[in-house]
């Protein structure tokens, strides 16, 4: 029994040590203007967790997001990998594959995704917001911990170091009753090429 307890304690301590290796900042003033160079990122990816609430409905999922110049691929999966969906987003089109051999598409990107999820999600803006950027050519009001854009309040609760950059780790996006919480566990290789 003591061997098992020591083994579990060792695993716990190793887990704490691994967590402490990833630099994280909380409660720092957020400066949109200092992040403009991130618009040059052509390819980026992350793995994380997402929860979405609209006052009546709520759900959570694991999320894997891969961005390239031509498209975004967003994989969502529920607990134990169930209830997954793949969302492919281009400038003109959204394609949703729920894994049941029914692939649907629309040129009304945000509206169609929201219809499929049951909650309005501003996906076109989110591709900027997840990097800590504002959506170009859209009015913005800066806050101490983020900004308000298109009537959505975007709050960055924690930032984490990925290579030379500080990118979001925990963020909330809110409008009226709709609330999206995102925790980014790991950023992939991000490049400007």
Protein backbone atom coordinates (compact mmCIF):
# COMPACT_ATOMS: atom_id res chain seq x y z
CA UNK A 1 0.00 0.00 0.00
CA UNK A 2 2.80 2.43 0.87
CA UNK A 3 4.48 1.71 -2.47
CA UNK A 4 1.28 2.72 -4.27
CA UNK A 5 0.98 5.92 -2.19
CA UNK A 6 4.60 6.85 -2.94
CA UNK A 7 4.07 6.14 -6.63
CA UNK A 8 0.94 8.35 -6.73
CA UNK A 9 2.71 11.12 -4.79
CA UNK A 10 5.64 10.97 -7.23
CA UNK A 11 3.26 11.21 -10.20
CA UNK A 12 1.52 14.18 -8.59
CA UNK A 13 4.79 16.00 -7.94
CA UNK A 14 6.01 15.31 -11.49
CA UNK A 15 2.74 16.72 -12.78
CA UNK A 16 3.22 19.88 -10.73
CA UNK A 17 6.77 20.24 -12.02
CA UNK A 18 5.60 19.84 -15.63
CA UNK A 19 2.94 22.51 -15.10
CA UNK A 20 5.46 24.93 -13.66
CA UNK A 21 7.67 24.73 -16.78
CA UNK A 22 5.08 26.56 -18.91
CA UNK A 23 5.32 30.29 -18.10
CA UNK A 24 1.87 31.77 -17.43
CA UNK A 25 0.89 35.38 -16.64
CA UNK A 26 -2.35 36.41 -14.95
CA UNK A 27 -3.82 39.81 -14.20
CA UNK A 28 -1.52 41.79 -16.50
CA UNK A 29 -2.87 44.84 -18.37
CA UNK A 30 -3.71 43.79 -21.93
CA UNK A 31 -2.32 45.98 -24.73
CA UNK A 32 -3.87 45.37 -28.16
CA UNK A 33 -1.40 47.73 -29.84
CA UNK A 34 1.59 45.62 -28.69
CA UNK A 35 0.21 42.58 -30.53
CA UNK A 36 -0.08 43.95 -34.10
CA UNK A 37 2.85 41.83 -35.33
CA UNK A 38 0.72 38.70 -34.72
CA UNK A 39 -1.43 39.60 -37.76
CA UNK A 40 1.56 38.30 -39.77
CA UNK A 41 1.16 34.75 -38.43
CA UNK A 42 0.21 32.56 -41.39
CA UNK A 43 -0.02 29.21 -39.62
CA UNK A 44 -0.94 28.47 -36.02
CA UNK A 45 -2.66 25.76 -34.01
CA UNK A 46 -3.76 24.94 -30.49
CA UNK A 47 -5.42 22.24 -28.39
CA UNK A 48 -7.74 23.14 -25.57
CA UNK A 49 -11.15 23.02 -23.95
CA UNK A 50 -14.24 25.04 -24.72
CA UNK A 51 -17.53 25.65 -22.92
CA UNK A 52 -20.49 27.53 -24.34
CA UNK A 53 -23.61 28.82 -22.57
CA UNK A 54 -26.55 30.90 -23.73
CA UNK A 55 -28.68 30.98 -20.57
CA UNK A 56 -30.75 27.94 -21.61
CA UNK A 57 -28.30 25.57 -23.26
CA UNK A 58 -24.72 24.78 -22.35
CA UNK A 59 -22.15 22.32 -23.59
CA UNK A 60 -18.44 21.70 -23.48
CA UNK A 61 -15.95 20.10 -25.83
CA UNK A 62 -12.30 19.50 -26.47
CA UNK A 63 -11.09 21.71 -29.31
CA UNK A 64 -8.24 21.42 -31.81
CA UNK A 65 -7.85 24.43 -34.10
CA UNK A 66 -5.45 24.54 -37.06
CA UNK A 67 -5.16 27.77 -39.03
CA UNK A 68 -3.46 28.29 -42.39
CA UNK A 69 -3.71 31.10 -44.93
CA UNK A 70 -6.44 29.31 -46.89
CA UNK A 71 -8.57 27.69 -44.19
CA UNK A 72 -9.29 26.95 -40.56
CA UNK A 73 -9.99 23.42 -39.35
CA UNK A 74 -11.74 23.24 -36.00
CA UNK A 75 -12.26 19.80 -34.43
CA UNK A 76 -14.72 19.60 -31.55
CA UNK A 77 -15.26 16.45 -29.49
CA UNK A 78 -17.35 15.78 -26.42
CA UNK A 79 -16.43 13.73 -23.38
CA UNK A 80 -14.47 10.59 -24.25
CA UNK A 81 -14.30 11.71 -27.89
CA UNK A 82 -18.04 11.38 -28.45
CA UNK A 83 -20.21 13.78 -30.43
CA UNK A 84 -17.42 15.16 -32.56
CA UNK A 85 -17.60 17.61 -35.42
CA UNK A 86 -15.11 19.01 -37.89
CA UNK A 87 -15.67 22.61 -39.01
CA UNK A 88 -13.74 23.75 -42.08
CA UNK A 89 -13.81 27.49 -42.60
CA UNK A 90 -12.64 29.40 -45.69
CA UNK A 91 -13.25 33.03 -46.59
CA UNK A 92 -16.43 32.18 -48.50
CA UNK A 93 -17.67 28.87 -47.07
CA UNK A 94 -18.15 26.76 -43.97
CA UNK A 95 -18.25 22.95 -44.15
CA UNK A 96 -19.42 20.86 -41.18
CA UNK A 97 -18.73 17.14 -40.91
CA UNK A 98 -20.39 15.51 -37.92
CA UNK A 99 -18.86 12.13 -38.71
CA UNK A 100 -22.17 10.53 -39.68
CA UNK A 101 -21.54 10.70 -43.44
CA UNK A 102 -23.57 13.90 -43.56
CA UNK A 103 -21.40 16.78 -44.67
CA UNK A 104 -23.18 20.12 -44.91
CA UNK A 105 -22.02 23.53 -46.07
CA UNK A 106 -23.12 27.15 -46.31
CA UNK A 107 -21.81 30.52 -47.39
CA UNK A 108 -23.43 32.15 -44.32
CA UNK A 109 -20.52 31.24 -42.02
CA UNK A 110 -21.34 32.60 -38.52
CA UNK A 111 -25.09 32.12 -38.90
CA UNK A 112 -24.79 28.53 -40.11
CA UNK A 113 -22.32 27.49 -37.39
CA UNK A 114 -24.56 29.07 -34.77
CA UNK A 115 -27.60 27.25 -36.18
CA UNK A 116 -25.73 23.94 -35.98
CA UNK A 117 -24.41 24.55 -32.45
CA UNK A 118 -27.60 26.08 -31.09
CA UNK A 119 -25.73 29.15 -29.78
CA UNK A 120 -24.46 32.16 -31.74
CA UNK A 121 -20.66 31.99 -32.03
CA UNK A 122 -18.75 34.71 -33.93
CA UNK A 123 -16.28 32.30 -35.53
CA UNK A 124 -14.88 34.77 -38.08
CA UNK A 125 -13.91 37.11 -35.23
CA UNK A 126 -12.72 34.25 -33.01
CA UNK A 127 -9.93 33.41 -35.47
CA UNK A 128 -8.40 36.76 -34.41
CA UNK A 129 -9.54 36.84 -30.78
CA UNK A 130 -7.87 33.51 -29.91
CA UNK A 131 -4.51 35.16 -30.74
CA UNK A 132 -5.30 38.22 -28.65
CA UNK A 133 -6.01 40.33 -31.75
CA UNK A 134 -8.99 42.42 -32.75
CA UNK A 135 -10.86 41.68 -35.97
CA UNK A 136 -9.57 44.12 -38.63
CA UNK A 137 -11.75 46.98 -39.85
CA UNK A 138 -14.20 46.62 -36.95
CA UNK A 139 -14.60 49.22 -34.19
CA UNK A 140 -13.04 48.29 -30.85
CA UNK A 141 -13.13 49.60 -27.30
CA UNK A 142 -10.09 48.57 -25.24
CA UNK A 143 -10.49 47.25 -21.70
CA UNK A 144 -7.83 46.61 -19.08
CA UNK A 145 -8.00 42.85 -19.70
CA UNK A 146 -9.16 42.78 -23.35
CA UNK A 147 -11.65 44.68 -25.50
CA UNK A 148 -15.22 45.00 -26.71
CA UNK A 149 -15.84 44.38 -30.40
CA UNK A 150 -19.10 43.79 -32.31
CA UNK A 151 -20.94 43.91 -28.95
CA UNK A 152 -18.82 41.04 -27.58
CA UNK A 153 -16.63 41.53 -24.50
CA UNK A 154 -13.36 39.59 -24.84
CA UNK A 155 -11.45 39.09 -21.57
CA UNK A 156 -7.98 37.51 -21.35
CA UNK A 157 -7.59 35.93 -17.93
CA UNK A 158 -4.20 34.26 -18.47
CA UNK A 159 -1.49 34.40 -21.10
CA UNK A 160 1.13 31.71 -21.73
CA UNK A 161 4.48 31.75 -23.45
CA UNK A 162 4.70 29.93 -26.78
CA UNK A 163 8.13 30.32 -28.32
CA UNK A 164 8.87 34.05 -28.16
CA UNK A 165 5.22 35.10 -27.99
CA UNK A 166 2.74 35.49 -25.16
CA UNK A 167 -0.54 33.98 -26.37
CA UNK A 168 -3.87 33.46 -24.60
CA UNK A 169 -4.27 30.56 -22.18
CA UNK A 170 -7.65 31.40 -20.59
CA UNK A 171 -10.20 33.72 -22.13
CA UNK A 172 -13.91 34.55 -21.86
CA UNK A 173 -16.06 35.95 -24.67
CA UNK A 174 -19.45 37.31 -23.58
CA UNK A 175 -22.52 38.98 -25.09
CA UNK A 176 -25.86 39.31 -23.28
CA UNK A 177 -26.50 35.74 -22.03
CA UNK A 178 -24.07 34.00 -24.38
CA UNK A 179 -20.74 33.12 -22.82
CA UNK A 180 -17.82 31.21 -24.30
CA UNK A 181 -14.92 30.06 -22.11
CA UNK A 182 -11.74 28.82 -23.74
CA UNK A 183 -8.72 27.23 -22.09
CA UNK A 184 -5.81 26.66 -24.44
CA UNK A 185 -3.70 23.82 -23.12
CA UNK A 186 -1.02 23.96 -25.77
CA UNK A 187 -0.10 26.12 -28.73
CA UNK A 188 1.46 24.39 -31.76
CA UNK A 189 4.22 25.71 -33.98
CA UNK A 190 3.29 29.22 -35.06
CA UNK A 191 5.02 30.68 -38.09
CA UNK A 192 4.92 33.75 -40.30
CA UNK A 193 5.93 31.91 -43.49
